[in-house]
């Protein structure tokens, strides 16, 4: 079980790093808007479900409860 959890965590980290690299390249030529996308299932924190489809501010941050 621990090995499975470790593989899932590392897989997510690698995917996030790749997404950031692609975003950096694309932002050089296109205007990008960050939007929070949640899976909306019971494993997702309630606060993260509420952020679903929210746009980031000009600094790239999302705000919950403000």
PDB file of N, CA and C in Angstrom:
ATOM      1  N   UNK A   1       0.819  -1.195   0.000  1.00  0.00           N
ATOM      2  CA  UNK A   1       0.000   0.000   0.000  1.00  0.00           C
ATOM      3  C   UNK A   1       0.863   1.260   0.000  1.00  0.00           C
ATOM      4  N   UNK A   2       1.928   1.264   0.803  1.00  0.00           N
ATOM      5  CA  UNK A   2       2.800   2.433   0.871  1.00  0.00           C
ATOM      6  C   UNK A   2       3.462   2.697  -0.476  1.00  0.00           C
ATOM      7  N   UNK A   3       3.880   1.651  -1.145  1.00  0.00           N
ATOM      8  CA  UNK A   3       4.507   1.803  -2.458  1.00  0.00           C
ATOM      9  C   UNK A   3       3.519   2.395  -3.470  1.00  0.00           C
ATOM     10  N   UNK A   4       2.278   1.966  -3.388  1.00  0.00           N
ATOM     11  CA  UNK A   4       1.234   2.488  -4.277  1.00  0.00           C
ATOM     12  C   UNK A   4       1.000   3.980  -4.027  1.00  0.00           C
ATOM     13  N   UNK A   5       0.957   4.373  -2.757  1.00  0.00           N
ATOM     14  CA  UNK A   5       0.775   5.773  -2.391  1.00  0.00           C
ATOM     15  C   UNK A   5       1.960   6.609  -2.853  1.00  0.00           C
ATOM     16  N   UNK A   6       3.146   6.101  -2.667  1.00  0.00           N
ATOM     17  CA  UNK A   6       4.356   6.797  -3.101  1.00  0.00           C
ATOM     18  C   UNK A   6       4.361   6.985  -4.621  1.00  0.00           C
ATOM     19  N   UNK A   7       3.996   5.944  -5.351  1.00  0.00           N
ATOM     20  CA  UNK A   7       3.962   6.034  -6.816  1.00  0.00           C
ATOM     21  C   UNK A   7       2.923   7.054  -7.271  1.00  0.00           C
ATOM     22  N   UNK A   8       1.777   7.092  -6.613  1.00  0.00           N
ATOM     23  CA  UNK A   8       0.738   8.051  -6.983  1.00  0.00           C
ATOM     24  C   UNK A   8       1.210   9.478  -6.692  1.00  0.00           C
ATOM     25  N   UNK A   9       1.838   9.692  -5.548  1.00  0.00           N
ATOM     26  CA  UNK A   9       2.321  11.014  -5.168  1.00  0.00           C
ATOM     27  C   UNK A   9       3.406  11.497  -6.129  1.00  0.00           C
ATOM     28  N   UNK A  10       4.354  10.648  -6.414  1.00  0.00           N
ATOM     29  CA  UNK A  10       5.440  11.026  -7.322  1.00  0.00           C
ATOM     30  C   UNK A  10       4.931  11.216  -8.746  1.00  0.00           C
ATOM     31  N   UNK A  11       3.998  10.395  -9.151  1.00  0.00           N
ATOM     32  CA  UNK A  11       3.404  10.564 -10.481  1.00  0.00           C
ATOM     33  C   UNK A  11       2.702  11.906 -10.610  1.00  0.00           C
ATOM     34  N   UNK A  12       1.988  12.306  -9.563  1.00  0.00           N
ATOM     35  CA  UNK A  12       1.325  13.604  -9.556  1.00  0.00           C
ATOM     36  C   UNK A  12       2.321  14.752  -9.579  1.00  0.00           C
ATOM     37  N   UNK A  13       3.413  14.603  -8.845  1.00  0.00           N
ATOM     38  CA  UNK A  13       4.436  15.641  -8.812  1.00  0.00           C
ATOM     39  C   UNK A  13       5.076  15.827 -10.177  1.00  0.00           C
ATOM     40  N   UNK A  14       5.414  14.744 -10.825  1.00  0.00           N
ATOM     41  CA  UNK A  14       6.030  14.802 -12.156  1.00  0.00           C
ATOM     42  C   UNK A  14       5.065  15.423 -13.157  1.00  0.00           C
ATOM     43  N   UNK A  15       3.806  15.048 -13.076  1.00  0.00           N
ATOM     44  CA  UNK A  15       2.799  15.613 -13.978  1.00  0.00           C
ATOM     45  C   UNK A  15       2.657  17.118 -13.754  1.00  0.00           C
ATOM     46  N   UNK A  16       2.665  17.549 -12.491  1.00  0.00           N
ATOM     47  CA  UNK A  16       2.558  18.978 -12.176  1.00  0.00           C
ATOM     48  C   UNK A  16       3.759  19.750 -12.708  1.00  0.00           C
ATOM     49  N   UNK A  17       4.947  19.200 -12.571  1.00  0.00           N
ATOM     50  CA  UNK A  17       6.156  19.863 -13.075  1.00  0.00           C
ATOM     51  C   UNK A  17       6.093  20.004 -14.596  1.00  0.00           C
ATOM     52  N   UNK A  18       5.617  18.972 -15.267  1.00  0.00           N
ATOM     53  CA  UNK A  18       5.497  19.025 -16.728  1.00  0.00           C
ATOM     54  C   UNK A  18       4.458  20.060 -17.136  1.00  0.00           C
ATOM     55  N   UNK A  19       3.342  20.113 -16.416  1.00  0.00           N
ATOM     56  CA  UNK A  19       2.302  21.112 -16.711  1.00  0.00           C
ATOM     57  C   UNK A  19       2.837  22.530 -16.551  1.00  0.00           C
ATOM     58  N   UNK A  20       3.628  22.769 -15.506  1.00  0.00           N
ATOM     59  CA  UNK A  20       4.205  24.100 -15.288  1.00  0.00           C
ATOM     60  C   UNK A  20       5.155  24.491 -16.415  1.00  0.00           C
ATOM     61  N   UNK A  21       5.957  23.547 -16.874  1.00  0.00           N
ATOM     62  CA  UNK A  21       6.891  23.832 -17.967  1.00  0.00           C
ATOM     63  C   UNK A  21       6.128  24.196 -19.247  1.00  0.00           C
ATOM     64  N   UNK A  22       5.077  23.467 -19.536  1.00  0.00           N
ATOM     65  CA  UNK A  22       4.257  23.753 -20.719  1.00  0.00           C
ATOM     66  C   UNK A  22       3.599  25.120 -20.580  1.00  0.00           C
ATOM     67  N   UNK A  23       3.074  25.415 -19.377  1.00  0.00           N
ATOM     68  CA  UNK A  23       2.425  26.701 -19.139  1.00  0.00           C
ATOM     69  C   UNK A  23       3.402  27.860 -19.336  1.00  0.00           C
ATOM     70  N   UNK A  24       4.616  27.715 -18.843  1.00  0.00           N
ATOM     71  CA  UNK A  24       5.620  28.775 -19.005  1.00  0.00           C
ATOM     72  C   UNK A  24       5.910  29.041 -20.475  1.00  0.00           C
ATOM     73  N   UNK A  25       6.038  28.001 -21.261  1.00  0.00           N
ATOM     74  CA  UNK A  25       6.300  28.154 -22.693  1.00  0.00           C
ATOM     75  C   UNK A  25       5.114  28.800 -23.400  1.00  0.00           C
ATOM     76  N   UNK A  26       3.914  28.333 -23.092  1.00  0.00           N
ATOM     77  CA  UNK A  26       2.714  28.844 -23.759  1.00  0.00           C
ATOM     78  C   UNK A  26       2.448  30.301 -23.395  1.00  0.00           C
ATOM     79  N   UNK A  27       2.754  30.690 -22.151  1.00  0.00           N
ATOM     80  CA  UNK A  27       2.474  32.062 -21.722  1.00  0.00           C
ATOM     81  C   UNK A  27       3.353  33.091 -22.426  1.00  0.00           C
ATOM     82  N   UNK A  28       4.404  32.634 -23.077  1.00  0.00           N
ATOM     83  CA  UNK A  28       5.273  33.548 -23.827  1.00  0.00           C
ATOM     84  C   UNK A  28       4.595  34.053 -25.098  1.00  0.00           C
ATOM     85  N   UNK A  29       3.623  33.289 -25.595  1.00  0.00           N
ATOM     86  CA  UNK A  29       2.975  33.663 -26.852  1.00  0.00           C
ATOM     87  C   UNK A  29       1.460  33.844 -26.754  1.00  0.00           C
ATOM     88  N   UNK A  30       0.865  33.438 -25.631  1.00  0.00           N
ATOM     89  CA  UNK A  30      -0.598  33.519 -25.512  1.00  0.00           C
ATOM     90  C   UNK A  30      -0.979  34.035 -24.132  1.00  0.00           C
ATOM     91  N   UNK A  31      -2.119  34.700 -24.052  1.00  0.00           N
ATOM     92  CA  UNK A  31      -2.642  35.137 -22.756  1.00  0.00           C
ATOM     93  C   UNK A  31      -3.356  33.975 -22.088  1.00  0.00           C
ATOM     94  N   UNK A  32      -2.874  33.567 -20.930  1.00  0.00           N
ATOM     95  CA  UNK A  32      -3.457  32.419 -20.237  1.00  0.00           C
ATOM     96  C   UNK A  32      -4.198  32.875 -18.984  1.00  0.00           C
ATOM     97  N   UNK A  33      -5.285  32.185 -18.664  1.00  0.00           N
ATOM     98  CA  UNK A  33      -6.040  32.423 -17.440  1.00  0.00           C
ATOM     99  C   UNK A  33      -6.091  31.115 -16.667  1.00  0.00           C
ATOM    100  N   UNK A  34      -5.701  31.153 -15.397  1.00  0.00           N
ATOM    101  CA  UNK A  34      -5.757  29.959 -14.563  1.00  0.00           C
ATOM    102  C   UNK A  34      -7.168  29.810 -14.001  1.00  0.00           C
ATOM    103  N   UNK A  35      -7.700  28.592 -14.093  1.00  0.00           N
ATOM    104  CA  UNK A  35      -9.021  28.273 -13.558  1.00  0.00           C
ATOM    105  C   UNK A  35      -8.899  27.011 -12.718  1.00  0.00           C
ATOM    106  N   UNK A  36      -9.450  27.052 -11.499  1.00  0.00           N
ATOM    107  CA  UNK A  36      -9.407  25.908 -10.594  1.00  0.00           C
ATOM    108  C   UNK A  36     -10.355  24.844 -11.115  1.00  0.00           C
ATOM    109  N   UNK A  37      -9.859  23.619 -11.241  1.00  0.00           N
ATOM    110  CA  UNK A  37     -10.685  22.503 -11.689  1.00  0.00           C
ATOM    111  C   UNK A  37     -10.611  21.399 -10.637  1.00  0.00           C
ATOM    112  N   UNK A  38     -11.747  21.077 -10.056  1.00  0.00           N
ATOM    113  CA  UNK A  38     -11.813  20.062  -9.021  1.00  0.00           C
ATOM    114  C   UNK A  38     -12.586  18.861  -9.536  1.00  0.00           C
ATOM    115  N   UNK A  39     -12.276  17.692  -8.987  1.00  0.00           N
ATOM    116  CA  UNK A  39     -13.010  16.491  -9.402  1.00  0.00           C
ATOM    117  C   UNK A  39     -14.375  16.410  -8.718  1.00  0.00           C
ATOM    118  N   UNK A  40     -14.600  17.231  -7.692  1.00  0.00           N
ATOM    119  CA  UNK A  40     -15.891  17.340  -7.002  1.00  0.00           C
ATOM    120  C   UNK A  40     -16.370  16.032  -6.380  1.00  0.00           C
ATOM    121  N   UNK A  41     -15.473  15.112  -6.067  1.00  0.00           N
ATOM    122  CA  UNK A  41     -15.899  13.892  -5.387  1.00  0.00           C
ATOM    123  C   UNK A  41     -15.666  14.031  -3.879  1.00  0.00           C
ATOM    124  N   UNK A  42     -16.007  13.004  -3.129  1.00  0.00           N
ATOM    125  CA  UNK A  42     -15.920  13.077  -1.667  1.00  0.00           C
ATOM    126  C   UNK A  42     -14.495  13.023  -1.141  1.00  0.00           C
ATOM    127  N   UNK A  43     -13.526  12.695  -1.977  1.00  0.00           N
ATOM    128  CA  UNK A  43     -12.125  12.656  -1.546  1.00  0.00           C
ATOM    129  C   UNK A  43     -11.481  14.040  -1.602  1.00  0.00           C
ATOM    130  N   UNK A  44     -12.151  14.989  -2.248  1.00  0.00           N
ATOM    131  CA  UNK A  44     -11.624  16.345  -2.393  1.00  0.00           C
ATOM    132  C   UNK A  44     -12.093  17.191  -1.218  1.00  0.00           C
ATOM    133  N   UNK A  45     -11.191  18.008  -0.676  1.00  0.00           N
ATOM    134  CA  UNK A  45     -11.569  18.891   0.426  1.00  0.00           C
ATOM    135  C   UNK A  45     -12.743  19.779   0.029  1.00  0.00           C
ATOM    136  N   UNK A  46     -13.595  20.061   1.020  1.00  0.00           N
ATOM    137  CA  UNK A  46     -14.766  20.899   0.768  1.00  0.00           C
ATOM    138  C   UNK A  46     -14.353  22.259   0.214  1.00  0.00           C
ATOM    139  N   UNK A  47     -13.300  22.843   0.774  1.00  0.00           N
ATOM    140  CA  UNK A  47     -12.846  24.158   0.310  1.00  0.00           C
ATOM    141  C   UNK A  47     -12.375  24.098  -1.144  1.00  0.00           C
ATOM    142  N   UNK A  48     -11.767  22.992  -1.543  1.00  0.00           N
ATOM    143  CA  UNK A  48     -11.304  22.850  -2.925  1.00  0.00           C
ATOM    144  C   UNK A  48     -12.481  22.650  -3.876  1.00  0.00           C
ATOM    145  N   UNK A  49     -13.515  21.968  -3.422  1.00  0.00           N
ATOM    146  CA  UNK A  49     -14.715  21.818  -4.257  1.00  0.00           C
ATOM    147  C   UNK A  49     -15.373  23.171  -4.486  1.00  0.00           C
ATOM    148  N   UNK A  50     -15.368  24.025  -3.462  1.00  0.00           N
ATOM    149  CA  UNK A  50     -15.983  25.352  -3.597  1.00  0.00           C
ATOM    150  C   UNK A  50     -15.187  26.250  -4.543  1.00  0.00           C
ATOM    151  N   UNK A  51     -13.902  25.989  -4.713  1.00  0.00           N
ATOM    152  CA  UNK A  51     -13.077  26.791  -5.614  1.00  0.00           C
ATOM    153  C   UNK A  51     -13.287  26.426  -7.086  1.00  0.00           C
ATOM    154  N   UNK A  52     -14.005  25.352  -7.342  1.00  0.00           N
ATOM    155  CA  UNK A  52     -14.179  24.867  -8.716  1.00  0.00           C
ATOM    156  C   UNK A  52     -14.629  25.987  -9.654  1.00  0.00           C
ATOM    157  N   UNK A  53     -13.991  26.098 -10.783  1.00  0.00           N
ATOM    158  CA  UNK A  53     -14.168  27.057 -11.886  1.00  0.00           C
ATOM    159  C   UNK A  53     -13.851  28.514 -11.518  1.00  0.00           C
ATOM    160  N   UNK A  54     -13.255  28.745 -10.351  1.00  0.00           N
ATOM    161  CA  UNK A  54     -12.837  30.101  -9.992  1.00  0.00           C
ATOM    162  C   UNK A  54     -11.585  30.474 -10.777  1.00  0.00           C
ATOM    163  N   UNK A  55     -11.516  31.733 -11.223  1.00  0.00           N
ATOM    164  CA  UNK A  55     -10.334  32.235 -11.926  1.00  0.00           C
ATOM    165  C   UNK A  55      -9.340  32.782 -10.917  1.00  0.00           C
ATOM    166  N   UNK A  56      -8.057  32.646 -11.223  1.00  0.00           N
ATOM    167  CA  UNK A  56      -7.000  33.162 -10.358  1.00  0.00           C
ATOM    168  C   UNK A  56      -6.923  34.679 -10.482  1.00  0.00           C
ATOM    169  N   UNK A  57      -6.379  35.319  -9.443  1.00  0.00           N
ATOM    170  CA  UNK A  57      -6.193  36.772  -9.510  1.00  0.00           C
ATOM    171  C   UNK A  57      -4.990  37.096 -10.404  1.00  0.00           C
ATOM    172  N   UNK A  58      -4.643  38.365 -10.506  1.00  0.00           N
ATOM    173  CA  UNK A  58      -3.569  38.781 -11.420  1.00  0.00           C
ATOM    174  C   UNK A  58      -2.205  38.191 -11.036  1.00  0.00           C
ATOM    175  N   UNK A  59      -2.052  37.778  -9.773  1.00  0.00           N
ATOM    176  CA  UNK A  59      -0.792  37.169  -9.317  1.00  0.00           C
ATOM    177  C   UNK A  59      -0.808  35.652  -9.399  1.00  0.00           C
ATOM    178  N   UNK A  60      -1.919  35.075  -9.877  1.00  0.00           N
ATOM    179  CA  UNK A  60      -2.016  33.629 -10.031  1.00  0.00           C
ATOM    180  C   UNK A  60      -2.528  32.888  -8.812  1.00  0.00           C
ATOM    181  N   UNK A  61      -3.105  33.627  -7.851  1.00  0.00           N
ATOM    182  CA  UNK A  61      -3.608  33.005  -6.625  1.00  0.00           C
ATOM    183  C   UNK A  61      -5.121  32.857  -6.660  1.00  0.00           C
ATOM    184  N   UNK A  62      -5.600  31.780  -5.993  1.00  0.00           N
ATOM    185  CA  UNK A  62      -7.018  31.557  -5.841  1.00  0.00           C
ATOM    186  C   UNK A  62      -7.394  31.921  -4.403  1.00  0.00           C
ATOM    187  N   UNK A  63      -8.606  32.438  -4.207  1.00  0.00           N
ATOM    188  CA  UNK A  63      -9.025  32.878  -2.887  1.00  0.00           C
ATOM    189  C   UNK A  63     -10.286  32.153  -2.456  1.00  0.00           C
ATOM    190  N   UNK A  64     -10.230  31.608  -1.249  1.00  0.00           N
ATOM    191  CA  UNK A  64     -11.364  30.880  -0.676  1.00  0.00           C
ATOM    192  C   UNK A  64     -11.874  31.648   0.536  1.00  0.00           C
ATOM    193  N   UNK A  65     -13.170  31.892   0.580  1.00  0.00           N
ATOM    194  CA  UNK A  65     -13.777  32.520   1.741  1.00  0.00           C
ATOM    195  C   UNK A  65     -13.545  34.013   1.844  1.00  0.00           C
ATOM    196  N   UNK A  66     -13.223  34.662   0.741  1.00  0.00           N
ATOM    197  CA  UNK A  66     -13.019  36.108   0.822  1.00  0.00           C
ATOM    198  C   UNK A  66     -14.072  36.855   0.049  1.00  0.00           C
TER     199      UNK A  66
END
